Amino acid sequence: MNFQQQTQQWQALFRQRQQGSLLSRMLMWLVAGIMLVFAMGVLLFVLMLSWLLIPVFLYKRHQLRKQGKSFFQQAQQHQQSRSSEGTGRVIEGEVLERKNDN
């Protein structure tokens, strides 16, 4: 199927949709409006939540500064505590070539 046939199909579908009744078009606009209002509500909620969390993160950062630790130092301590809890050692590397003996 080429591009011209596809566009003709879309145009025919659009013409069929245009022939719908006034009630169906009003219902479609009503549903679209409700969805838009709902999406705006979700966006507003996420925005307000982010604004409420900013002071919490600033307070945590302030507490870390009081303790004399930077975020990087705390992350290193956390990583060291996690690695010391493990039972085995992990060796990181990169596989350059893998040979199958099949």
PDB file of N, CA and C in Angstrom:
ATOM      1  N   MET A   1       0.857  -1.175   0.000  1.00  0.00           N
ATOM      2  CA  MET A   1       0.000   0.000   0.000  1.00  0.00           C
ATOM      3  C   MET A   1       0.901   1.236   0.000  1.00  0.00           C
ATOM      4  N   ASN A   2       0.654   2.102  -0.929  1.00  0.00           N
ATOM      5  CA  ASN A   2       1.500   3.285  -0.997  1.00  0.00           C
ATOM      6  C   ASN A   2       0.876   4.441  -0.222  1.00  0.00           C
ATOM      7  N   PHE A   3       1.578   5.520  -0.210  1.00  0.00           N
ATOM      8  CA  PHE A   3       1.178   6.689   0.582  1.00  0.00           C
ATOM      9  C   PHE A   3      -0.131   7.295   0.084  1.00  0.00           C
ATOM     10  N   GLN A   4      -0.334   7.344  -1.217  1.00  0.00           N
ATOM     11  CA  GLN A   4      -1.536   7.959  -1.772  1.00  0.00           C
ATOM     12  C   GLN A   4      -2.790   7.166  -1.378  1.00  0.00           C
ATOM     13  N   GLN A   5      -2.708   5.849  -1.415  1.00  0.00           N
ATOM     14  CA  GLN A   5      -3.847   5.028  -1.008  1.00  0.00           C
ATOM     15  C   GLN A   5      -4.158   5.221   0.478  1.00  0.00           C
ATOM     16  N   GLN A   6      -3.118   5.329   1.255  1.00  0.00           N
ATOM     17  CA  GLN A   6      -3.304   5.527   2.684  1.00  0.00           C
ATOM     18  C   GLN A   6      -3.996   6.865   2.963  1.00  0.00           C
ATOM     19  N   THR A   7      -3.564   7.925   2.271  1.00  0.00           N
ATOM     20  CA  THR A   7      -4.183   9.234   2.483  1.00  0.00           C
ATOM     21  C   THR A   7      -5.636   9.230   2.019  1.00  0.00           C
ATOM     22  N   GLN A   8      -5.928   8.518   0.945  1.00  0.00           N
ATOM     23  CA  GLN A   8      -7.318   8.429   0.484  1.00  0.00           C
ATOM     24  C   GLN A   8      -8.183   7.711   1.525  1.00  0.00           C
ATOM     25  N   GLN A   9      -7.652   6.679   2.140  1.00  0.00           N
ATOM     26  CA  GLN A   9      -8.396   5.971   3.181  1.00  0.00           C
ATOM     27  C   GLN A   9      -8.662   6.885   4.377  1.00  0.00           C
ATOM     28  N   TRP A  10      -7.647   7.659   4.748  1.00  0.00           N
ATOM     29  CA  TRP A  10      -7.825   8.584   5.877  1.00  0.00           C
ATOM     30  C   TRP A  10      -8.867   9.650   5.543  1.00  0.00           C
ATOM     31  N   GLN A  11      -8.829  10.155   4.318  1.00  0.00           N
ATOM     32  CA  GLN A  11      -9.803  11.169   3.920  1.00  0.00           C
ATOM     33  C   GLN A  11     -11.221  10.606   3.911  1.00  0.00           C
ATOM     34  N   ALA A  12     -11.387   9.382   3.447  1.00  0.00           N
ATOM     35  CA  ALA A  12     -12.714   8.753   3.441  1.00  0.00           C
ATOM     36  C   ALA A  12     -13.208   8.554   4.872  1.00  0.00           C
ATOM     37  N   LEU A  13     -12.330   8.126   5.748  1.00  0.00           N
ATOM     38  CA  LEU A  13     -12.697   7.952   7.156  1.00  0.00           C
ATOM     39  C   LEU A  13     -13.077   9.284   7.781  1.00  0.00           C
ATOM     40  N   PHE A  14     -12.342  10.336   7.445  1.00  0.00           N
ATOM     41  CA  PHE A  14     -12.645  11.670   7.967  1.00  0.00           C
ATOM     42  C   PHE A  14     -14.009  12.152   7.475  1.00  0.00           C
ATOM     43  N   ARG A  15     -14.322  11.901   6.191  1.00  0.00           N
ATOM     44  CA  ARG A  15     -15.625  12.296   5.652  1.00  0.00           C
ATOM     45  C   ARG A  15     -16.759  11.561   6.365  1.00  0.00           C
ATOM     46  N   GLN A  16     -16.543  10.285   6.674  1.00  0.00           N
ATOM     47  CA  GLN A  16     -17.562   9.524   7.392  1.00  0.00           C
ATOM     48  C   GLN A  16     -17.780  10.099   8.790  1.00  0.00           C
ATOM     49  N   ARG A  17     -16.706  10.492   9.421  1.00  0.00           N
ATOM     50  CA  ARG A  17     -16.815  11.071  10.763  1.00  0.00           C
ATOM     51  C   ARG A  17     -17.523  12.423  10.731  1.00  0.00           C
ATOM     52  N   GLN A  18     -17.322  13.187   9.662  1.00  0.00           N
ATOM     53  CA  GLN A  18     -17.959  14.491   9.547  1.00  0.00           C
ATOM     54  C   GLN A  18     -19.473  14.366   9.374  1.00  0.00           C
ATOM     55  N   GLN A  19     -19.931  13.252   8.857  1.00  0.00           N
ATOM     56  CA  GLN A  19     -21.346  13.063   8.620  1.00  0.00           C
ATOM     57  C   GLN A  19     -22.096  12.642   9.883  1.00  0.00           C
ATOM     58  N   GLY A  20     -21.401  12.513  11.013  1.00  0.00           N
ATOM     59  CA  GLY A  20     -22.037  12.115  12.259  1.00  0.00           C
ATOM     60  C   GLY A  20     -23.038  13.151  12.733  1.00  0.00           C
ATOM     61  N   SER A  21     -23.895  12.733  13.630  1.00  0.00           N
ATOM     62  CA  SER A  21     -24.942  13.637  14.111  1.00  0.00           C
ATOM     63  C   SER A  21     -24.357  14.702  15.037  1.00  0.00           C
ATOM     64  N   LEU A  22     -25.143  15.730  15.277  1.00  0.00           N
ATOM     65  CA  LEU A  22     -24.735  16.816  16.148  1.00  0.00           C
ATOM     66  C   LEU A  22     -24.526  16.311  17.573  1.00  0.00           C
ATOM     67  N   LEU A  23     -25.374  15.374  17.990  1.00  0.00           N
ATOM     68  CA  LEU A  23     -25.265  14.827  19.339  1.00  0.00           C
ATOM     69  C   LEU A  23     -23.940  14.087  19.542  1.00  0.00           C
ATOM     70  N   SER A  24     -23.540  13.319  18.543  1.00  0.00           N
ATOM     71  CA  SER A  24     -22.278  12.579  18.686  1.00  0.00           C
ATOM     72  C   SER A  24     -21.085  13.536  18.725  1.00  0.00           C
ATOM     73  N   ARG A  25     -21.142  14.615  17.934  1.00  0.00           N
ATOM     74  CA  ARG A  25     -20.047  15.593  17.971  1.00  0.00           C
ATOM     75  C   ARG A  25     -19.992  16.314  19.309  1.00  0.00           C
ATOM     76  N   MET A  26     -21.173  16.673  19.842  1.00  0.00           N
ATOM     77  CA  MET A  26     -21.197  17.341  21.150  1.00  0.00           C
ATOM     78  C   MET A  26     -20.687  16.417  22.246  1.00  0.00           C
ATOM     79  N   LEU A  27     -21.045  15.143  22.158  1.00  0.00           N
ATOM     80  CA  LEU A  27     -20.557  14.170  23.129  1.00  0.00           C
ATOM     81  C   LEU A  27     -19.042  14.015  23.034  1.00  0.00           C
ATOM     82  N   MET A  28     -18.524  14.005  21.804  1.00  0.00           N
ATOM     83  CA  MET A  28     -17.073  13.900  21.612  1.00  0.00           C
ATOM     84  C   MET A  28     -16.360  15.105  22.226  1.00  0.00           C
ATOM     85  N   TRP A  29     -16.892  16.324  21.997  1.00  0.00           N
ATOM     86  CA  TRP A  29     -16.277  17.519  22.566  1.00  0.00           C
ATOM     87  C   TRP A  29     -16.372  17.517  24.083  1.00  0.00           C
ATOM     88  N   LEU A  30     -17.483  17.023  24.623  1.00  0.00           N
ATOM     89  CA  LEU A  30     -17.646  16.944  26.069  1.00  0.00           C
ATOM     90  C   LEU A  30     -16.634  15.991  26.687  1.00  0.00           C
ATOM     91  N   VAL A  31     -16.463  14.824  26.060  1.00  0.00           N
ATOM     92  CA  VAL A  31     -15.482  13.851  26.559  1.00  0.00           C
ATOM     93  C   VAL A  31     -14.068  14.428  26.452  1.00  0.00           C
ATOM     94  N   ALA A  32     -13.761  15.072  25.339  1.00  0.00           N
ATOM     95  CA  ALA A  32     -12.431  15.675  25.171  1.00  0.00           C
ATOM     96  C   ALA A  32     -12.196  16.760  26.222  1.00  0.00           C
ATOM     97  N   GLY A  33     -13.219  17.560  26.501  1.00  0.00           N
ATOM     98  CA  GLY A  33     -13.080  18.599  27.522  1.00  0.00           C
ATOM     99  C   GLY A  33     -12.875  18.022  28.906  1.00  0.00           C
ATOM    100  N   ILE A  34     -13.616  16.954  29.228  1.00  0.00           N
ATOM    101  CA  ILE A  34     -13.446  16.308  30.539  1.00  0.00           C
ATOM    102  C   ILE A  34     -12.044  15.732  30.667  1.00  0.00           C
ATOM    103  N   MET A  35     -11.557  15.108  29.601  1.00  0.00           N
ATOM    104  CA  MET A  35     -10.202  14.554  29.637  1.00  0.00           C
ATOM    105  C   MET A  35      -9.167  15.662  29.813  1.00  0.00           C
ATOM    106  N   LEU A  36      -9.382  16.787  29.153  1.00  0.00           N
ATOM    107  CA  LEU A  36      -8.454  17.914  29.277  1.00  0.00           C
ATOM    108  C   LEU A  36      -8.456  18.465  30.696  1.00  0.00           C
ATOM    109  N   VAL A  37      -9.636  18.611  31.282  1.00  0.00           N
ATOM    110  CA  VAL A  37      -9.729  19.110  32.657  1.00  0.00           C
ATOM    111  C   VAL A  37      -9.064  18.129  33.619  1.00  0.00           C
ATOM    112  N   PHE A  38      -9.280  16.832  33.414  1.00  0.00           N
ATOM    113  CA  PHE A  38      -8.648  15.824  34.263  1.00  0.00           C
ATOM    114  C   PHE A  38      -7.121  15.879  34.139  1.00  0.00           C
ATOM    115  N   ALA A  39      -6.623  16.008  32.913  1.00  0.00           N
ATOM    116  CA  ALA A  39      -5.173  16.083  32.701  1.00  0.00           C
ATOM    117  C   ALA A  39      -4.596  17.334  33.358  1.00  0.00           C
ATOM    118  N   MET A  40      -5.317  18.441  33.271  1.00  0.00           N
ATOM    119  CA  MET A  40      -4.844  19.669  33.926  1.00  0.00           C
ATOM    120  C   MET A  40      -4.822  19.498  35.444  1.00  0.00           C
ATOM    121  N   GLY A  41      -5.816  18.790  35.977  1.00  0.00           N
ATOM    122  CA  GLY A  41      -5.846  18.528  37.411  1.00  0.00           C
ATOM    123  C   GLY A  41      -4.662  17.688  37.856  1.00  0.00           C
ATOM    124  N   VAL A  42      -4.352  16.657  37.088  1.00  0.00           N
ATOM    125  CA  VAL A  42      -3.198  15.809  37.416  1.00  0.00           C
ATOM    126  C   VAL A  42      -1.911  16.624  37.338  1.00  0.00           C
ATOM    127  N   LEU A  43      -1.783  17.443  36.307  1.00  0.00           N
ATOM    128  CA  LEU A  43      -0.596  18.288  36.164  1.00  0.00           C
ATOM    129  C   LEU A  43      -0.468  19.261  37.328  1.00  0.00           C
ATOM    130  N   LEU A  44      -1.564  19.866  37.726  1.00  0.00           N
ATOM    131  CA  LEU A  44      -1.551  20.796  38.850  1.00  0.00           C
ATOM    132  C   LEU A  44      -1.189  20.077  40.146  1.00  0.00           C
ATOM    133  N   PHE A  45      -1.708  18.862  40.337  1.00  0.00           N
ATOM    134  CA  PHE A  45      -1.378  18.086  41.532  1.00  0.00           C
ATOM    135  C   PHE A  45       0.111  17.765  41.593  1.00  0.00           C
ATOM    136  N   VAL A  46       0.677  17.325  40.484  1.00  0.00           N
ATOM    137  CA  VAL A  46       2.109  16.995  40.454  1.00  0.00           C
ATOM    138  C   VAL A  46       2.949  18.247  40.692  1.00  0.00           C
ATOM    139  N   LEU A  47       2.534  19.373  40.129  1.00  0.00           N
ATOM    140  CA  LEU A  47       3.259  20.620  40.332  1.00  0.00           C
ATOM    141  C   LEU A  47       3.234  21.030  41.800  1.00  0.00           C
ATOM    142  N   MET A  48       2.058  20.968  42.421  1.00  0.00           N
ATOM    143  CA  MET A  48       1.946  21.327  43.834  1.00  0.00           C
ATOM    144  C   MET A  48       2.756  20.363  44.717  1.00  0.00           C
ATOM    145  N   LEU A  49       2.719  19.084  44.379  1.00  0.00           N
ATOM    146  CA  LEU A  49       3.492  18.101  45.137  1.00  0.00           C
ATOM    147  C   LEU A  49       4.983  18.402  45.045  1.00  0.00           C
ATOM    148  N   SER A  50       5.448  18.766  43.870  1.00  0.00           N
ATOM    149  CA  SER A  50       6.868  19.079  43.725  1.00  0.00           C
ATOM    150  C   SER A  50       7.229  20.326  44.533  1.00  0.00           C
ATOM    151  N   TRP A  51       6.341  21.320  44.535  1.00  0.00           N
ATOM    152  CA  TRP A  51       6.604  22.518  45.328  1.00  0.00           C
ATOM    153  C   TRP A  51       6.609  22.209  46.820  1.00  0.00           C
ATOM    154  N   LEU A  52       5.770  21.286  47.248  1.00  0.00           N
ATOM    155  CA  LEU A  52       5.744  20.920  48.673  1.00  0.00           C
ATOM    156  C   LEU A  52       6.974  20.121  49.075  1.00  0.00           C
ATOM    157  N   LEU A  53       7.555  19.384  48.131  1.00  0.00           N
ATOM    158  CA  LEU A  53       8.716  18.555  48.464  1.00  0.00           C
ATOM    159  C   LEU A  53      10.029  19.334  48.452  1.00  0.00           C
ATOM    160  N   ILE A  54      10.064  20.487  47.829  1.00  0.00           N
ATOM    161  CA  ILE A  54      11.299  21.274  47.776  1.00  0.00           C
ATOM    162  C   ILE A  54      11.801  21.617  49.182  1.00  0.00           C
ATOM    163  N   PRO A  55      10.965  22.129  50.104  1.00  0.00           N
ATOM    164  CA  PRO A  55      11.479  22.414  51.450  1.00  0.00           C
ATOM    165  C   PRO A  55      11.974  21.174  52.183  1.00  0.00           C
ATOM    166  N   VAL A  56      11.343  20.020  51.928  1.00  0.00           N
ATOM    167  CA  VAL A  56      11.795  18.781  52.576  1.00  0.00           C
ATOM    168  C   VAL A  56      13.210  18.444  52.126  1.00  0.00           C
ATOM    169  N   PHE A  57      13.472  18.526  50.823  1.00  0.00           N
ATOM    170  CA  PHE A  57      14.812  18.222  50.315  1.00  0.00           C
ATOM    171  C   PHE A  57      15.832  19.255  50.791  1.00  0.00           C
ATOM    172  N   LEU A  58      15.432  20.506  50.854  1.00  0.00           N
ATOM    173  CA  LEU A  58      16.352  21.528  51.364  1.00  0.00           C
ATOM    174  C   LEU A  58      16.688  21.276  52.827  1.00  0.00           C
ATOM    175  N   TYR A  59      15.695  20.857  53.607  1.00  0.00           N
ATOM    176  CA  TYR A  59      15.932  20.561  55.027  1.00  0.00           C
ATOM    177  C   TYR A  59      16.886  19.375  55.175  1.00  0.00           C
ATOM    178  N   LYS A  60      16.693  18.344  54.369  1.00  0.00           N
ATOM    179  CA  LYS A  60      17.594  17.188  54.432  1.00  0.00           C
ATOM    180  C   LYS A  60      19.022  17.592  54.067  1.00  0.00           C
ATOM    181  N   ARG A  61      19.149  18.420  53.035  1.00  0.00           N
ATOM    182  CA  ARG A  61      20.483  18.872  52.639  1.00  0.00           C
ATOM    183  C   ARG A  61      21.116  19.705  53.746  1.00  0.00           C
ATOM    184  N   HIS A  62      20.304  20.520  54.413  1.00  0.00           N
ATOM    185  CA  HIS A  62      20.802  21.331  55.519  1.00  0.00           C
ATOM    186  C   HIS A  62      21.273  20.444  56.672  1.00  0.00           C
ATOM    187  N   GLN A  63      20.522  19.380  56.949  1.00  0.00           N
ATOM    188  CA  GLN A  63      20.918  18.459  58.022  1.00  0.00           C
ATOM    189  C   GLN A  63      22.221  17.755  57.671  1.00  0.00           C
ATOM    190  N   LEU A  64      22.404  17.393  56.423  1.00  0.00           N
ATOM    191  CA  LEU A  64      23.660  16.763  56.014  1.00  0.00           C
ATOM    192  C   LEU A  64      24.825  17.730  56.164  1.00  0.00           C
ATOM    193  N   ARG A  65      24.599  18.993  55.835  1.00  0.00           N
ATOM    194  CA  ARG A  65      25.667  19.981  55.994  1.00  0.00           C
ATOM    195  C   ARG A  65      26.010  20.175  57.462  1.00  0.00           C
ATOM    196  N   LYS A  66      25.008  20.123  58.341  1.00  0.00           N
ATOM    197  CA  LYS A  66      25.270  20.241  59.775  1.00  0.00           C
ATOM    198  C   LYS A  66      26.148  19.099  60.265  1.00  0.00           C
ATOM    199  N   GLN A  67      25.932  17.904  59.716  1.00  0.00           N
ATOM    200  CA  GLN A  67      26.726  16.743  60.109  1.00  0.00           C
ATOM    201  C   GLN A  67      28.116  16.771  59.483  1.00  0.00           C
ATOM    202  N   GLY A  68      28.325  17.673  58.569  1.00  0.00           N
ATOM    203  CA  GLY A  68      29.640  17.797  57.934  1.00  0.00           C
ATOM    204  C   GLY A  68      29.847  16.817  56.803  1.00  0.00           C
ATOM    205  N   LYS A  69      28.764  16.254  56.293  1.00  0.00           N
ATOM    206  CA  LYS A  69      28.877  15.290  55.207  1.00  0.00           C
ATOM    207  C   LYS A  69      28.263  15.883  53.953  1.00  0.00           C
ATOM    208  N   SER A  70      28.918  15.634  52.859  1.00  0.00           N
ATOM    209  CA  SER A  70      28.326  16.020  51.584  1.00  0.00           C
ATOM    210  C   SER A  70      27.487  14.845  51.079  1.00  0.00           C
ATOM    211  N   PHE A  71      26.704  15.098  50.092  1.00  0.00           N
ATOM    212  CA  PHE A  71      25.888  14.038  49.509  1.00  0.00           C
ATOM    213  C   PHE A  71      26.775  12.952  48.937  1.00  0.00           C
ATOM    214  N   PHE A  72      27.894  13.344  48.335  1.00  0.00           N
ATOM    215  CA  PHE A  72      28.811  12.376  47.743  1.00  0.00           C
ATOM    216  C   PHE A  72      29.403  11.472  48.811  1.00  0.00           C
ATOM    217  N   GLN A  73      29.781  12.046  49.950  1.00  0.00           N
ATOM    218  CA  GLN A  73      30.339  11.241  51.037  1.00  0.00           C
ATOM    219  C   GLN A  73      29.306  10.266  51.589  1.00  0.00           C
ATOM    220  N   GLN A  74      28.066  10.721  51.725  1.00  0.00           N
ATOM    221  CA  GLN A  74      27.023   9.852  52.229  1.00  0.00           C
ATOM    222  C   GLN A  74      26.762   8.704  51.241  1.00  0.00           C
ATOM    223  N   ALA A  75      26.791   8.994  49.965  1.00  0.00           N
ATOM    224  CA  ALA A  75      26.583   7.954  48.964  1.00  0.00           C
ATOM    225  C   ALA A  75      27.709   6.937  49.003  1.00  0.00           C
ATOM    226  N   GLN A  76      28.938   7.406  49.215  1.00  0.00           N
ATOM    227  CA  GLN A  76      30.068   6.489  49.318  1.00  0.00           C
ATOM    228  C   GLN A  76      29.922   5.591  50.540  1.00  0.00           C
ATOM    229  N   GLN A  77      29.516   6.141  51.666  1.00  0.00           N
ATOM    230  CA  GLN A  77      29.318   5.342  52.865  1.00  0.00           C
ATOM    231  C   GLN A  77      28.224   4.302  52.652  1.00  0.00           C
ATOM    232  N   HIS A  78      27.164   4.706  51.996  1.00  0.00           N
ATOM    233  CA  HIS A  78      26.071   3.781  51.718  1.00  0.00           C
ATOM    234  C   HIS A  78      26.550   2.645  50.817  1.00  0.00           C
ATOM    235  N   GLN A  79      27.337   2.978  49.795  1.00  0.00           N
ATOM    236  CA  GLN A  79      27.857   1.977  48.876  1.00  0.00           C
ATOM    237  C   GLN A  79      28.802   1.026  49.600  1.00  0.00           C
ATOM    238  N   GLN A  80      29.647   1.553  50.487  1.00  0.00           N
ATOM    239  CA  GLN A  80      30.571   0.710  51.237  1.00  0.00           C
ATOM    240  C   GLN A  80      29.818  -0.221  52.176  1.00  0.00           C
ATOM    241  N   SER A  81      28.771   0.275  52.810  1.00  0.00           N
ATOM    242  CA  SER A  81      28.004  -0.579  53.715  1.00  0.00           C
ATOM    243  C   SER A  81      27.277  -1.672  52.936  1.00  0.00           C
ATOM    244  N   ARG A  82      26.807  -1.363  51.753  1.00  0.00           N
ATOM    245  CA  ARG A  82      26.147  -2.380  50.936  1.00  0.00           C
ATOM    246  C   ARG A  82      27.146  -3.427  50.454  1.00  0.00           C
ATOM    247  N   SER A  83      28.359  -2.992  50.075  1.00  0.00           N
ATOM    248  CA  SER A  83      29.337  -3.954  49.566  1.00  0.00           C
ATOM    249  C   SER A  83      29.880  -4.831  50.687  1.00  0.00           C
ATOM    250  N   SER A  84      29.958  -4.311  51.919  1.00  0.00           N
ATOM    251  CA  SER A  84      30.462  -5.129  53.023  1.00  0.00           C
ATOM    252  C   SER A  84      29.426  -6.147  53.478  1.00  0.00           C
ATOM    253  N   GLU A  85      28.143  -5.892  53.215  1.00  0.00           N
ATOM    254  CA  GLU A  85      27.095  -6.830  53.595  1.00  0.00           C
ATOM    255  C   GLU A  85      27.042  -8.032  52.659  1.00  0.00           C
ATOM    256  N   GLY A  86      27.540  -7.883  51.451  1.00  0.00           N
ATOM    257  CA  GLY A  86      27.470  -8.962  50.473  1.00  0.00           C
ATOM    258  C   GLY A  86      28.344 -10.138  50.854  1.00  0.00           C
ATOM    259  N   THR A  87      27.951 -11.358  50.425  1.00  0.00           N
ATOM    260  CA  THR A  87      28.719 -12.542  50.768  1.00  0.00           C
ATOM    261  C   THR A  87      29.854 -12.777  49.789  1.00  0.00           C
ATOM    262  N   GLY A  88      29.699 -12.389  48.543  1.00  0.00           N
ATOM    263  CA  GLY A  88      30.747 -12.628  47.552  1.00  0.00           C
ATOM    264  C   GLY A  88      31.284 -11.329  46.998  1.00  0.00           C
ATOM    265  N   ARG A  89      32.312 -11.473  46.207  1.00  0.00           N
ATOM    266  CA  ARG A  89      32.882 -10.290  45.575  1.00  0.00           C
ATOM    267  C   ARG A  89      32.349 -10.167  44.170  1.00  0.00           C
ATOM    268  N   VAL A  90      32.194  -8.951  43.728  1.00  0.00           N
ATOM    269  CA  VAL A  90      31.733  -8.688  42.376  1.00  0.00           C
ATOM    270  C   VAL A  90      32.887  -8.062  41.612  1.00  0.00           C
ATOM    271  N   ILE A  91      33.212  -8.680  40.496  1.00  0.00           N
ATOM    272  CA  ILE A  91      34.277  -8.157  39.648  1.00  0.00           C
ATOM    273  C   ILE A  91      33.611  -7.577  38.421  1.00  0.00           C
ATOM    274  N   GLU A  92      33.814  -6.293  38.228  1.00  0.00           N
ATOM    275  CA  GLU A  92      33.214  -5.632  37.080  1.00  0.00           C
ATOM    276  C   GLU A  92      34.172  -5.669  35.907  1.00  0.00           C
ATOM    277  N   GLY A  93      33.645  -5.837  34.729  1.00  0.00           N
ATOM    278  CA  GLY A  93      34.479  -5.871  33.543  1.00  0.00           C
ATOM    279  C   GLY A  93      33.633  -5.755  32.297  1.00  0.00           C
ATOM    280  N   GLU A  94      34.281  -5.880  31.169  1.00  0.00           N
ATOM    281  CA  GLU A  94      33.598  -5.758  29.889  1.00  0.00           C
ATOM    282  C   GLU A  94      33.956  -6.955  29.034  1.00  0.00           C
ATOM    283  N   VAL A  95      32.947  -7.576  28.428  1.00  0.00           N
ATOM    284  CA  VAL A  95      33.176  -8.720  27.557  1.00  0.00           C
ATOM    285  C   VAL A  95      33.482  -8.180  26.166  1.00  0.00           C
ATOM    286  N   LEU A  96      34.666  -8.477  25.698  1.00  0.00           N
ATOM    287  CA  LEU A  96      35.057  -7.988  24.388  1.00  0.00           C
ATOM    288  C   LEU A  96      34.683  -8.972  23.294  1.00  0.00           C
ATOM    289  N   GLU A  97      34.844 -10.260  23.572  1.00  0.00           N
ATOM    290  CA  GLU A  97      34.540 -11.269  22.573  1.00  0.00           C
ATOM    291  C   GLU A  97      34.119 -12.536  23.285  1.00  0.00           C
ATOM    292  N   ARG A  98      33.092 -13.190  22.753  1.00  0.00           N
ATOM    293  CA  ARG A  98      32.628 -14.426  23.365  1.00  0.00           C
ATOM    294  C   ARG A  98      32.670 -15.515  22.296  1.00  0.00           C
ATOM    295  N   LYS A  99      33.354 -16.598  22.622  1.00  0.00           N
ATOM    296  CA  LYS A  99      33.490 -17.700  21.675  1.00  0.00           C
ATOM    297  C   LYS A  99      32.587 -18.843  22.137  1.00  0.00           C
ATOM    298  N   ASN A 100      31.810 -19.365  21.229  1.00  0.00           N
ATOM    299  CA  ASN A 100      30.979 -20.526  21.518  1.00  0.00           C
ATOM    300  C   ASN A 100      31.711 -21.784  21.103  1.00  0.00           C
ATOM    301  N   ASP A 101      31.648 -22.811  21.960  1.00  0.00           N
ATOM    302  CA  ASP A 101      32.332 -24.069  21.663  1.00  0.00           C
ATOM    303  C   ASP A 101      31.356 -25.085  21.071  1.00  0.00           C
ATOM    304  N   ASN A 102      30.287 -24.660  20.472  1.00  0.00           N
ATOM    305  CA  ASN A 102      29.277 -25.572  19.916  1.00  0.00           C
ATOM    306  C   ASN A 102      29.731 -26.180  18.637  1.00  0.00           C
TER     307      ASN A 102
END
